[in-house]
Amino acid sequence: MKRILLLILINIYNYSFSQNLKQDSIIEKYTKKCAYQFHYLAQGWEDCINDGIKADSTIAIFWHHKALPLWKTRKYELALKSYDKAVLYDRKEYLGRRGFLKCIFSKNYSDALKDLDDATKEFGDGIQNDHSYDFYKSLCYLQLNQYDDALKLMQIEIEKTKKQSGEDWVSSLCYFYTGVIYYEKRDYKKAVEEFDKALKRYPNFSDAEYYKALNQYKIDKDYTKYLESARLAKKDFDKGLTFTEGDSPYEKYPYQVNWYMINLD
């Protein structure tokens, strides 16, 4: 009986190994030798990936790549349909990534939280674009007006980074969003303190400068001072001193200043 079981296990292993080699060959054919020869917004990219899916529709990376240009061109409904397939065929690799994409791109914060929570429970904490899942969970709660939960998770993110890498490695965005959360909680003095921390790490960060000015105005009611500070922040924005996240050129991040809505007259 043990010998039969061993033979069965060996056959399963050999089949799985053979399948992996076959899929690796298909992936190389339609990505490295095809899609990667084009920009991801080019029709050639789409054609190669579609051919790859025809060859084997169970390969997750093809669905990930099919969704890529759709995310960047804001065709979120179509992007999500493709990305759901990526998660289906490789849940460990793509579940947390889908949560990030729902948070930053499609702005579906409740669904993003579910993906990020599930990814944490099933596979542990993960990193997306230099931030852990807790960072994006905090943004989701912020956007759902659940400020206490948002603050708790952003503080966890900050302390976790300090413990793992040291205080110098804490992102300016962590302090920026902590400041935003305190602003929404009407704790303007603490908000100013957090924006100062963000500006220490990223001098002339225009978004932090603007929110600091707004909170300072809430404290001292000096509109002339606020206007002067806001105008300086706008000048820094015009110099490109704003969000520098990898996806920020494509998507506005929560509370990224929309200067078209700010009256500087």
Protein backbone atom coordinates (compact mmCIF):
# COMPACT_ATOMS: atom_id res chain seq x y z
CA MET A 1 0.00 0.00 0.00
CA LYS A 2 2.79 2.40 0.93
CA ARG A 3 4.55 1.60 -2.37
CA ILE A 4 1.39 2.36 -4.37
CA LEU A 5 0.93 5.65 -2.51
CA LEU A 6 4.56 6.56 -3.18
CA LEU A 7 4.14 5.83 -6.90
CA ILE A 8 1.02 7.99 -7.00
CA LEU A 9 2.85 10.88 -5.32
CA ILE A 10 5.78 10.53 -7.70
CA ASN A 11 3.43 10.60 -10.70
CA ILE A 12 1.66 13.68 -9.35
CA TYR A 13 5.01 15.43 -8.83
CA ASN A 14 6.23 14.51 -12.30
CA TYR A 15 3.00 15.75 -13.89
CA SER A 16 3.12 19.00 -11.96
CA PHE A 17 6.78 19.53 -12.88
CA SER A 18 6.01 18.84 -16.53
CA GLN A 19 3.08 21.26 -16.49
CA ASN A 20 5.22 23.99 -14.90
CA LEU A 21 7.88 23.57 -17.57
CA LYS A 22 5.23 23.76 -20.28
CA GLN A 23 3.70 26.90 -18.79
CA ASP A 24 7.12 28.52 -18.35
CA SER A 25 7.73 27.95 -22.06
CA ILE A 26 4.38 29.50 -22.98
CA ILE A 27 5.00 32.49 -20.70
CA GLU A 28 8.40 33.14 -22.25
CA LYS A 29 6.99 32.86 -25.77
CA TYR A 30 4.21 35.38 -25.26
CA THR A 31 5.89 37.79 -22.82
CA LYS A 32 9.69 38.02 -23.21
CA LYS A 33 9.64 37.16 -26.91
CA CYS A 34 6.45 39.01 -27.75
CA ALA A 35 4.62 41.43 -25.41
CA TYR A 36 7.78 42.82 -23.83
CA GLN A 37 8.87 44.02 -27.26
CA PHE A 38 6.11 46.64 -27.08
CA HIS A 39 4.98 49.36 -24.69
CA TYR A 40 2.11 48.07 -22.57
CA LEU A 41 -0.27 50.58 -24.17
CA ALA A 42 0.60 49.39 -27.68
CA GLN A 43 -1.72 47.10 -29.62
CA GLY A 44 1.14 44.65 -30.06
CA TRP A 45 1.22 44.09 -26.29
CA GLU A 46 -2.50 43.34 -26.27
CA ASP A 47 -2.20 40.97 -29.23
CA CYS A 48 0.63 38.99 -27.64
CA ILE A 49 -1.15 38.63 -24.31
CA ASN A 50 -4.41 37.59 -25.97
CA ASP A 51 -2.49 34.94 -27.93
CA GLY A 52 -0.95 33.75 -24.67
CA ILE A 53 -4.38 33.42 -23.09
CA LYS A 54 -5.52 31.39 -26.08
CA ALA A 55 -2.54 29.09 -25.56
CA ASP A 56 -3.27 28.63 -21.83
CA SER A 57 -5.98 30.64 -20.10
CA THR A 58 -4.96 29.38 -16.64
CA ILE A 59 -1.70 31.33 -16.53
CA ALA A 60 -2.23 34.17 -14.05
CA ILE A 61 0.44 36.53 -15.34
CA PHE A 62 -1.33 36.79 -18.70
CA TRP A 63 -4.45 38.13 -16.98
CA HIS A 64 -2.29 40.48 -14.90
CA HIS A 65 -0.71 41.81 -18.10
CA LYS A 66 -4.05 42.02 -19.89
CA ALA A 67 -5.34 44.24 -17.08
CA LEU A 68 -2.29 46.53 -16.99
CA PRO A 69 -3.18 48.87 -19.89
CA LEU A 70 -6.81 48.85 -18.76
CA TRP A 71 -5.88 50.17 -15.31
CA LYS A 72 -3.68 52.87 -16.84
CA THR A 73 -6.39 53.99 -19.26
CA ARG A 74 -9.01 54.00 -16.47
CA LYS A 75 -11.12 51.20 -17.89
CA TYR A 76 -11.58 49.90 -14.39
CA GLU A 77 -14.51 47.57 -14.97
CA LEU A 78 -12.66 45.68 -17.69
CA ALA A 79 -9.41 45.77 -15.74
CA LEU A 80 -11.03 44.19 -12.72
CA LYS A 81 -12.59 41.40 -14.76
CA SER A 82 -9.14 40.45 -16.03
CA TYR A 83 -7.52 40.84 -12.63
CA ASP A 84 -10.12 38.61 -11.03
CA LYS A 85 -8.79 35.86 -13.31
CA ALA A 86 -5.23 36.58 -12.19
CA VAL A 87 -6.34 36.16 -8.56
CA LEU A 88 -8.24 33.00 -9.44
CA TYR A 89 -5.18 31.30 -10.90
CA ASP A 90 -2.56 32.67 -8.46
CA ARG A 91 -4.26 33.99 -5.35
CA LYS A 92 -1.07 34.35 -3.32
CA GLU A 93 0.63 36.52 -5.92
CA TYR A 94 -2.23 38.79 -6.92
CA LEU A 95 -4.81 39.08 -4.12
CA GLY A 96 -2.96 41.79 -2.22
CA ARG A 97 -2.12 43.56 -5.47
CA ARG A 98 -5.80 43.64 -6.39
CA GLY A 99 -6.53 45.29 -3.04
CA PHE A 100 -3.95 47.96 -3.80
CA LEU A 101 -5.39 48.54 -7.27
CA LYS A 102 -8.92 48.85 -5.91
CA CYS A 103 -7.68 51.38 -3.36
CA ILE A 104 -5.58 53.61 -5.61
CA PHE A 105 -7.13 53.12 -9.06
CA SER A 106 -10.79 52.14 -8.95
CA LYS A 107 -11.40 53.72 -5.52
CA ASN A 108 -13.56 50.85 -4.29
CA TYR A 109 -12.43 51.09 -0.69
CA SER A 110 -14.68 48.51 0.98
CA ASP A 111 -13.70 45.87 -1.57
CA ALA A 112 -10.05 46.90 -1.29
CA LEU A 113 -10.18 46.38 2.47
CA LYS A 114 -11.62 42.91 2.03
CA ASP A 115 -8.86 41.91 -0.39
CA LEU A 116 -6.13 43.34 1.83
CA ASP A 117 -7.57 41.75 4.97
CA ASP A 118 -7.93 38.38 3.22
CA ALA A 119 -4.40 38.58 1.83
CA THR A 120 -3.03 39.32 5.30
CA LYS A 121 -4.95 36.44 6.89
CA GLU A 122 -4.02 33.93 4.19
CA PHE A 123 -0.46 34.91 3.33
CA GLY A 124 0.77 37.43 5.90
CA ASP A 125 1.66 41.07 5.46
CA GLY A 126 2.83 42.19 2.05
CA ILE A 127 4.32 45.16 0.22
CA GLN A 128 2.83 47.06 -2.70
CA ASN A 129 4.74 50.00 -4.17
CA ASP A 130 6.98 50.42 -1.12
CA HIS A 131 4.16 50.36 1.45
CA SER A 132 2.71 47.53 3.48
CA TYR A 133 -0.92 46.48 3.40
CA ASP A 134 -1.58 48.48 6.58
CA PHE A 135 -0.76 51.71 4.72
CA TYR A 136 -3.41 51.05 2.09
CA LYS A 137 -5.91 49.81 4.65
CA SER A 138 -5.45 53.12 6.44
CA LEU A 139 -6.14 55.03 3.22
CA CYS A 140 -9.30 52.98 2.70
CA TYR A 141 -10.59 53.77 6.17
CA LEU A 142 -9.69 57.44 5.67
CA GLN A 143 -11.74 57.51 2.48
CA LEU A 144 -14.63 55.83 4.28
CA ASN A 145 -14.51 58.52 7.03
CA GLN A 146 -13.51 55.93 9.64
CA TYR A 147 -10.76 58.10 11.06
CA ASP A 148 -9.94 56.18 14.24
CA ASP A 149 -9.28 52.99 12.28
CA ALA A 150 -7.28 54.95 9.72
CA LEU A 151 -5.12 56.53 12.42
CA LYS A 152 -4.51 53.24 14.22
CA LEU A 153 -3.28 51.51 11.07
CA MET A 154 -1.09 54.39 9.92
CA GLN A 155 0.53 54.51 13.35
CA ILE A 156 1.12 50.75 13.13
CA GLU A 157 2.74 51.28 9.73
CA ILE A 158 5.04 53.98 11.12
CA GLU A 159 6.09 51.98 14.18
CA LYS A 160 6.60 48.85 12.10
CA THR A 161 8.93 50.72 9.74
CA LYS A 162 10.86 52.25 12.63
CA LYS A 163 11.36 48.83 14.20
CA GLN A 164 12.37 47.10 10.99
CA SER A 165 14.49 49.78 9.30
CA GLY A 166 14.83 52.83 11.54
CA GLU A 167 13.04 56.17 11.74
CA ASP A 168 14.78 57.59 8.68
CA TRP A 169 12.98 55.03 6.53
CA VAL A 170 9.48 56.20 7.46
CA SER A 171 7.84 57.58 4.33
CA SER A 172 6.88 61.24 4.25
CA LEU A 173 3.47 60.07 3.07
CA CYS A 174 2.89 58.23 6.35
CA TYR A 175 3.28 61.48 8.26
CA PHE A 176 1.32 63.38 5.61
CA TYR A 177 -1.66 61.07 5.95
CA THR A 178 -1.39 61.04 9.74
CA GLY A 179 -1.67 64.82 9.51
CA VAL A 180 -4.68 64.55 7.22
CA ILE A 181 -6.38 62.16 9.65
CA TYR A 182 -5.80 64.53 12.57
CA TYR A 183 -7.19 67.35 10.42
CA GLU A 184 -10.36 65.37 9.82
CA LYS A 185 -10.54 64.65 13.56
CA ARG A 186 -10.30 68.45 14.15
CA ASP A 187 -7.06 68.09 16.06
CA TYR A 188 -5.29 70.86 14.16
CA LYS A 189 -2.22 71.19 16.39
CA LYS A 190 -1.35 67.52 16.06
CA ALA A 191 -1.99 67.76 12.33
CA VAL A 192 0.57 70.58 12.01
CA GLU A 193 3.11 68.48 13.94
CA GLU A 194 2.66 65.60 11.50
CA PHE A 195 2.94 67.81 8.44
CA ASP A 196 6.19 69.20 9.85
CA LYS A 197 7.50 65.63 10.08
CA ALA A 198 6.51 65.03 6.46
CA LEU A 199 8.24 68.24 5.37
CA LYS A 200 11.39 67.29 7.28
CA ARG A 201 11.64 64.17 5.11
CA TYR A 202 10.44 65.82 1.90
CA PRO A 203 11.21 69.57 1.98
CA ASN A 204 8.82 71.75 -0.04
CA PHE A 205 6.32 68.89 -0.42
CA SER A 206 3.56 71.13 -1.75
CA ASP A 207 0.62 69.02 -0.55
CA ALA A 208 1.97 68.91 3.01
CA GLU A 209 2.69 72.66 2.85
CA TYR A 210 -0.88 73.39 1.81
CA TYR A 211 -2.51 71.24 4.49
CA LYS A 212 -0.17 72.67 7.11
CA ALA A 213 -1.28 76.17 6.07
CA LEU A 214 -4.93 75.11 6.24
CA ASN A 215 -4.55 73.65 9.73
CA GLN A 216 -2.57 76.65 10.93
CA TYR A 217 -5.40 78.89 9.74
CA LYS A 218 -7.81 76.77 11.78
CA ILE A 219 -5.67 77.55 14.82
CA ASP A 220 -4.81 81.25 14.44
CA LYS A 221 -7.54 82.45 12.00
CA ASP A 222 -4.93 84.52 10.15
CA TYR A 223 -6.20 84.44 6.56
CA THR A 224 -3.40 86.64 5.21
CA LYS A 225 -0.80 84.21 6.55
CA TYR A 226 -2.77 81.25 5.18
CA LEU A 227 -2.98 82.82 1.72
CA GLU A 228 0.75 83.55 1.66
CA SER A 229 1.61 79.98 2.69
CA ALA A 230 -0.85 78.47 0.21
CA ARG A 231 0.63 80.51 -2.63
CA LEU A 232 4.13 79.28 -1.72
CA ALA A 233 2.80 75.72 -1.74
CA LYS A 234 1.35 76.29 -5.22
CA LYS A 235 4.74 77.53 -6.45
CA ASP A 236 6.35 74.34 -5.14
CA PHE A 237 3.65 72.30 -6.85
CA ASP A 238 4.44 74.07 -10.12
CA LYS A 239 8.05 72.95 -9.64
CA GLY A 240 6.85 69.34 -9.48
CA LEU A 241 7.22 68.97 -5.71
CA THR A 242 4.13 66.86 -5.14
CA PHE A 243 3.39 63.14 -4.84
CA THR A 244 6.22 60.95 -6.14
CA GLU A 245 4.56 57.54 -5.81
CA GLY A 246 5.08 55.21 -8.76
CA ASP A 247 1.42 55.40 -9.79
CA SER A 248 0.76 59.04 -8.86
CA PRO A 249 1.32 60.25 -12.46
CA TYR A 250 -1.65 58.07 -13.47
CA GLU A 251 -3.95 58.42 -10.48
CA LYS A 252 -4.66 61.05 -7.88
CA TYR A 253 -3.95 59.78 -4.39
CA PRO A 254 -6.38 60.53 -1.56
CA TYR A 255 -6.14 64.16 -0.42
CA GLN A 256 -3.66 65.05 -3.15
CA VAL A 257 -4.33 68.77 -3.58
CA ASN A 258 -6.46 69.74 -6.56
CA TRP A 259 -5.28 73.26 -7.15
CA TYR A 260 -8.16 74.02 -9.51
CA MET A 261 -10.39 73.94 -6.43
CA ILE A 262 -8.21 76.24 -4.29
CA ASN A 263 -8.95 79.99 -4.31
CA LEU A 264 -5.67 81.90 -4.03
CA ASP A 265 -7.10 85.37 -4.83
